[in-house]
Amino acid sequence: MAVGANGHKPHLYEKLWTPNELYPIGYSFICFYGGYILGHSGVARKLYDTLYLMFARTRGGLAAATVIIGAIVAACVGVIGASIAILTVLALPSMLEKI
């Protein structure tokens, strides 16, 4: 049986919620908020429109722009759930506008 630092058995919450396990949860919320701000500031829309114009002559240019933005977001965030949510906030309005 595991013994805590003070010689007592650890409580259930000490076993489940250590600071190392809580860090990704807090980090995900910060990334969600950052993606929300990025989506509503207009910077992401300008980037998306620029990439769309760059790939306008190729077939599937809209998909290529979405994949590039997804790669940029995934490299910056690192948490897959947060990067998918951010990509949805950033790309969906522009994709619906272009269709």
N, C-alpha and C. Protein backbone atom coordinates (compact mmCIF):
# COMPACT_ATOMS: atom_id res chain seq x y z
N MET A 1 0.84 -1.16 0.00
CA MET A 1 0.00 0.00 0.00
C MET A 1 0.90 1.24 0.00
N ALA A 2 0.51 2.23 -0.78
CA ALA A 2 1.32 3.45 -0.89
C ALA A 2 1.15 4.31 0.36
N VAL A 3 2.25 4.92 0.76
CA VAL A 3 2.25 5.79 1.93
C VAL A 3 2.63 7.18 1.46
N GLY A 4 1.91 8.19 1.93
CA GLY A 4 2.17 9.57 1.53
C GLY A 4 3.44 10.12 2.16
N ALA A 5 3.67 11.40 1.92
CA ALA A 5 4.89 12.06 2.40
C ALA A 5 4.94 12.14 3.92
N ASN A 6 3.79 12.27 4.57
CA ASN A 6 3.76 12.39 6.02
C ASN A 6 3.57 11.06 6.72
N GLY A 7 3.65 9.96 6.01
CA GLY A 7 3.49 8.66 6.61
C GLY A 7 2.05 8.18 6.67
N HIS A 8 1.11 8.90 6.05
CA HIS A 8 -0.27 8.47 6.05
C HIS A 8 -0.67 7.99 4.66
N LYS A 9 -1.75 7.22 4.62
CA LYS A 9 -2.25 6.77 3.33
C LYS A 9 -2.85 7.97 2.59
N PRO A 10 -2.56 8.12 1.30
CA PRO A 10 -3.12 9.27 0.57
C PRO A 10 -4.63 9.12 0.37
N HIS A 11 -5.31 10.25 0.37
CA HIS A 11 -6.75 10.26 0.13
C HIS A 11 -7.01 10.02 -1.35
N LEU A 12 -8.27 9.78 -1.67
CA LEU A 12 -8.65 9.50 -3.04
C LEU A 12 -8.33 10.68 -3.96
N TYR A 13 -8.61 11.91 -3.51
CA TYR A 13 -8.34 13.06 -4.36
C TYR A 13 -6.84 13.28 -4.56
N GLU A 14 -6.03 12.86 -3.61
CA GLU A 14 -4.58 12.96 -3.78
C GLU A 14 -4.07 11.99 -4.83
N LYS A 15 -4.75 10.86 -4.97
CA LYS A 15 -4.35 9.89 -5.98
C LYS A 15 -4.80 10.32 -7.37
N LEU A 16 -5.98 10.90 -7.46
CA LEU A 16 -6.55 11.21 -8.78
C LEU A 16 -6.08 12.53 -9.35
N TRP A 17 -5.97 13.56 -8.54
CA TRP A 17 -5.72 14.89 -9.06
C TRP A 17 -4.40 15.44 -8.55
N THR A 18 -3.34 15.01 -9.15
CA THR A 18 -2.04 15.59 -8.82
C THR A 18 -1.82 16.78 -9.75
N PRO A 19 -0.94 17.70 -9.41
CA PRO A 19 -0.71 18.86 -10.28
C PRO A 19 -0.24 18.48 -11.68
N ASN A 20 0.49 17.40 -11.82
CA ASN A 20 0.94 16.99 -13.15
C ASN A 20 -0.22 16.52 -14.02
N GLU A 21 -1.26 16.01 -13.42
CA GLU A 21 -2.42 15.58 -14.18
C GLU A 21 -3.39 16.72 -14.46
N LEU A 22 -3.36 17.77 -13.66
CA LEU A 22 -4.25 18.91 -13.88
C LEU A 22 -3.70 19.89 -14.90
N TYR A 23 -2.42 19.87 -15.17
CA TYR A 23 -1.82 20.84 -16.08
C TYR A 23 -2.42 20.79 -17.49
N PRO A 24 -2.59 19.62 -18.12
CA PRO A 24 -3.17 19.61 -19.47
C PRO A 24 -4.60 20.12 -19.52
N ILE A 25 -5.36 19.94 -18.45
CA ILE A 25 -6.74 20.41 -18.44
C ILE A 25 -6.76 21.95 -18.44
N GLY A 26 -5.98 22.55 -17.60
CA GLY A 26 -5.91 24.01 -17.58
C GLY A 26 -5.32 24.58 -18.85
N TYR A 27 -4.34 23.90 -19.39
CA TYR A 27 -3.71 24.33 -20.63
C TYR A 27 -4.70 24.30 -21.79
N SER A 28 -5.57 23.30 -21.81
CA SER A 28 -6.57 23.19 -22.88
C SER A 28 -7.52 24.37 -22.85
N PHE A 29 -7.96 24.78 -21.67
CA PHE A 29 -8.87 25.91 -21.58
C PHE A 29 -8.20 27.21 -22.03
N ILE A 30 -6.93 27.37 -21.72
CA ILE A 30 -6.21 28.55 -22.17
C ILE A 30 -6.10 28.55 -23.70
N CYS A 31 -5.87 27.39 -24.29
CA CYS A 31 -5.80 27.29 -25.75
C CYS A 31 -7.15 27.55 -26.39
N PHE A 32 -8.23 27.06 -25.78
CA PHE A 32 -9.57 27.34 -26.30
C PHE A 32 -9.83 28.84 -26.31
N TYR A 33 -9.48 29.49 -25.22
CA TYR A 33 -9.70 30.93 -25.14
C TYR A 33 -8.84 31.68 -26.15
N GLY A 34 -7.59 31.27 -26.31
CA GLY A 34 -6.72 31.90 -27.31
C GLY A 34 -7.25 31.72 -28.72
N GLY A 35 -7.76 30.55 -29.04
CA GLY A 35 -8.35 30.32 -30.35
C GLY A 35 -9.60 31.13 -30.57
N TYR A 36 -10.38 31.28 -29.52
CA TYR A 36 -11.59 32.10 -29.61
C TYR A 36 -11.24 33.56 -29.89
N ILE A 37 -10.24 34.06 -29.19
CA ILE A 37 -9.79 35.44 -29.42
C ILE A 37 -9.22 35.59 -30.83
N LEU A 38 -8.43 34.62 -31.26
CA LEU A 38 -7.85 34.66 -32.60
C LEU A 38 -8.93 34.61 -33.67
N GLY A 39 -9.97 33.83 -33.44
CA GLY A 39 -11.04 33.73 -34.42
C GLY A 39 -11.87 35.00 -34.52
N HIS A 40 -12.08 35.67 -33.41
CA HIS A 40 -12.93 36.87 -33.42
C HIS A 40 -12.15 38.16 -33.65
N SER A 41 -10.84 38.10 -33.66
CA SER A 41 -10.06 39.32 -33.91
C SER A 41 -9.94 39.63 -35.40
N GLY A 42 -10.14 38.64 -36.25
CA GLY A 42 -10.04 38.87 -37.69
C GLY A 42 -8.71 38.46 -38.28
N VAL A 43 -7.73 38.18 -37.46
CA VAL A 43 -6.40 37.79 -37.95
C VAL A 43 -6.48 36.44 -38.65
N ALA A 44 -7.20 35.51 -38.07
CA ALA A 44 -7.30 34.18 -38.66
C ALA A 44 -8.07 34.23 -39.98
N ARG A 45 -9.07 35.06 -40.07
CA ARG A 45 -9.82 35.18 -41.32
C ARG A 45 -8.94 35.74 -42.43
N LYS A 46 -8.11 36.72 -42.09
CA LYS A 46 -7.20 37.28 -43.10
C LYS A 46 -6.17 36.24 -43.55
N LEU A 47 -5.66 35.46 -42.59
CA LEU A 47 -4.73 34.39 -42.94
C LEU A 47 -5.41 33.34 -43.81
N TYR A 48 -6.61 32.98 -43.47
CA TYR A 48 -7.36 31.99 -44.23
C TYR A 48 -7.65 32.51 -45.64
N ASP A 49 -8.06 33.77 -45.76
CA ASP A 49 -8.32 34.34 -47.09
C ASP A 49 -7.06 34.42 -47.93
N THR A 50 -5.94 34.75 -47.30
CA THR A 50 -4.67 34.82 -48.03
C THR A 50 -4.25 33.45 -48.54
N LEU A 51 -4.36 32.44 -47.70
CA LEU A 51 -4.03 31.09 -48.14
C LEU A 51 -5.01 30.60 -49.20
N TYR A 52 -6.27 30.98 -49.08
CA TYR A 52 -7.25 30.58 -50.08
C TYR A 52 -6.93 31.22 -51.43
N LEU A 53 -6.53 32.47 -51.44
CA LEU A 53 -6.14 33.12 -52.69
C LEU A 53 -4.86 32.52 -53.26
N MET A 54 -3.97 32.11 -52.40
CA MET A 54 -2.73 31.51 -52.86
C MET A 54 -2.98 30.16 -53.54
N PHE A 55 -3.94 29.41 -53.05
CA PHE A 55 -4.27 28.11 -53.62
C PHE A 55 -5.52 28.14 -54.48
N ALA A 56 -5.95 29.31 -54.93
CA ALA A 56 -7.21 29.43 -55.67
C ALA A 56 -7.16 28.70 -57.01
N ARG A 57 -6.02 28.67 -57.66
CA ARG A 57 -5.94 28.04 -58.98
C ARG A 57 -5.86 26.53 -58.91
N THR A 58 -5.47 26.00 -57.79
CA THR A 58 -5.36 24.54 -57.67
C THR A 58 -6.70 23.96 -57.24
N ARG A 59 -6.89 22.74 -57.62
CA ARG A 59 -8.12 22.06 -57.25
C ARG A 59 -8.03 21.65 -55.77
N GLY A 60 -9.04 21.97 -55.01
CA GLY A 60 -9.03 21.69 -53.58
C GLY A 60 -8.25 22.73 -52.79
N GLY A 61 -8.21 23.95 -53.27
CA GLY A 61 -7.47 25.01 -52.60
C GLY A 61 -7.99 25.34 -51.21
N LEU A 62 -9.31 25.23 -51.06
CA LEU A 62 -9.92 25.49 -49.76
C LEU A 62 -9.48 24.44 -48.74
N ALA A 63 -9.42 23.19 -49.18
CA ALA A 63 -8.97 22.11 -48.29
C ALA A 63 -7.49 22.26 -47.96
N ALA A 64 -6.69 22.67 -48.94
CA ALA A 64 -5.25 22.87 -48.68
C ALA A 64 -5.03 23.99 -47.68
N ALA A 65 -5.78 25.07 -47.79
CA ALA A 65 -5.66 26.18 -46.84
C ALA A 65 -6.06 25.72 -45.44
N THR A 66 -7.10 24.90 -45.35
CA THR A 66 -7.54 24.39 -44.06
C THR A 66 -6.49 23.47 -43.43
N VAL A 67 -5.87 22.64 -44.25
CA VAL A 67 -4.83 21.73 -43.72
C VAL A 67 -3.62 22.52 -43.24
N ILE A 68 -3.23 23.56 -43.95
CA ILE A 68 -2.08 24.37 -43.53
C ILE A 68 -2.37 25.10 -42.22
N ILE A 69 -3.55 25.68 -42.12
CA ILE A 69 -3.90 26.36 -40.86
C ILE A 69 -4.00 25.35 -39.73
N GLY A 70 -4.52 24.16 -40.01
CA GLY A 70 -4.58 23.11 -38.99
C GLY A 70 -3.20 22.69 -38.52
N ALA A 71 -2.24 22.61 -39.44
CA ALA A 71 -0.88 22.24 -39.06
C ALA A 71 -0.23 23.33 -38.21
N ILE A 72 -0.49 24.58 -38.54
CA ILE A 72 0.06 25.70 -37.76
C ILE A 72 -0.52 25.69 -36.35
N VAL A 73 -1.83 25.51 -36.26
CA VAL A 73 -2.49 25.50 -34.94
C VAL A 73 -2.03 24.30 -34.12
N ALA A 74 -1.93 23.13 -34.75
CA ALA A 74 -1.52 21.93 -34.02
C ALA A 74 -0.09 22.05 -33.51
N ALA A 75 0.78 22.68 -34.30
CA ALA A 75 2.16 22.86 -33.86
C ALA A 75 2.25 23.83 -32.69
N CYS A 76 1.39 24.83 -32.67
CA CYS A 76 1.41 25.81 -31.58
C CYS A 76 0.77 25.28 -30.31
N VAL A 77 -0.31 24.53 -30.44
CA VAL A 77 -1.09 24.12 -29.27
C VAL A 77 -0.54 22.86 -28.64
N GLY A 78 -0.48 21.78 -29.40
CA GLY A 78 0.04 20.52 -28.89
C GLY A 78 -1.00 19.60 -28.29
N VAL A 79 -2.15 20.11 -27.90
CA VAL A 79 -3.23 19.29 -27.37
C VAL A 79 -4.23 19.08 -28.50
N ILE A 80 -4.50 17.83 -28.87
CA ILE A 80 -5.29 17.55 -30.06
C ILE A 80 -6.73 18.03 -29.94
N GLY A 81 -7.32 17.89 -28.78
CA GLY A 81 -8.70 18.36 -28.61
C GLY A 81 -8.82 19.86 -28.74
N ALA A 82 -7.85 20.57 -28.19
CA ALA A 82 -7.86 22.03 -28.28
C ALA A 82 -7.61 22.48 -29.71
N SER A 83 -6.71 21.81 -30.42
CA SER A 83 -6.41 22.24 -31.79
C SER A 83 -7.59 21.98 -32.71
N ILE A 84 -8.34 20.92 -32.50
CA ILE A 84 -9.53 20.66 -33.31
C ILE A 84 -10.60 21.71 -33.03
N ALA A 85 -10.79 22.06 -31.78
CA ALA A 85 -11.78 23.08 -31.44
C ALA A 85 -11.38 24.44 -32.01
N ILE A 86 -10.10 24.77 -31.93
CA ILE A 86 -9.63 26.05 -32.47
C ILE A 86 -9.78 26.07 -33.98
N LEU A 87 -9.44 24.96 -34.64
CA LEU A 87 -9.57 24.90 -36.10
C LEU A 87 -11.02 25.04 -36.52
N THR A 88 -11.93 24.49 -35.75
CA THR A 88 -13.35 24.64 -36.05
C THR A 88 -13.78 26.09 -35.95
N VAL A 89 -13.33 26.77 -34.92
CA VAL A 89 -13.68 28.19 -34.74
C VAL A 89 -13.08 29.04 -35.85
N LEU A 90 -11.87 28.70 -36.28
CA LEU A 90 -11.19 29.52 -37.28
C LEU A 90 -11.66 29.24 -38.70
N ALA A 91 -11.82 27.98 -39.05
CA ALA A 91 -12.02 27.61 -40.45
C ALA A 91 -13.49 27.52 -40.86
N LEU A 92 -14.36 27.14 -39.97
CA LEU A 92 -15.75 26.89 -40.35
C LEU A 92 -16.45 28.11 -40.92
N PRO A 93 -16.36 29.30 -40.32
CA PRO A 93 -17.04 30.45 -40.93
C PRO A 93 -16.53 30.79 -42.33
N SER A 94 -15.23 30.70 -42.51
CA SER A 94 -14.67 31.00 -43.83
C SER A 94 -15.05 29.93 -44.85
N MET A 95 -15.06 28.68 -44.42
CA MET A 95 -15.44 27.60 -45.33
C MET A 95 -16.91 27.72 -45.74
N LEU A 96 -17.78 28.07 -44.82
CA LEU A 96 -19.19 28.24 -45.17
C LEU A 96 -19.40 29.44 -46.07
N GLU A 97 -18.58 30.46 -45.91
CA GLU A 97 -18.69 31.65 -46.75
C GLU A 97 -18.24 31.36 -48.19
N LYS A 98 -17.24 30.51 -48.36
CA LYS A 98 -16.67 30.24 -49.68
C LYS A 98 -17.51 29.25 -50.50
N ILE A 99 -18.33 28.46 -49.84
CA ILE A 99 -19.08 27.43 -50.57
C ILE A 99 -20.26 28.01 -51.30
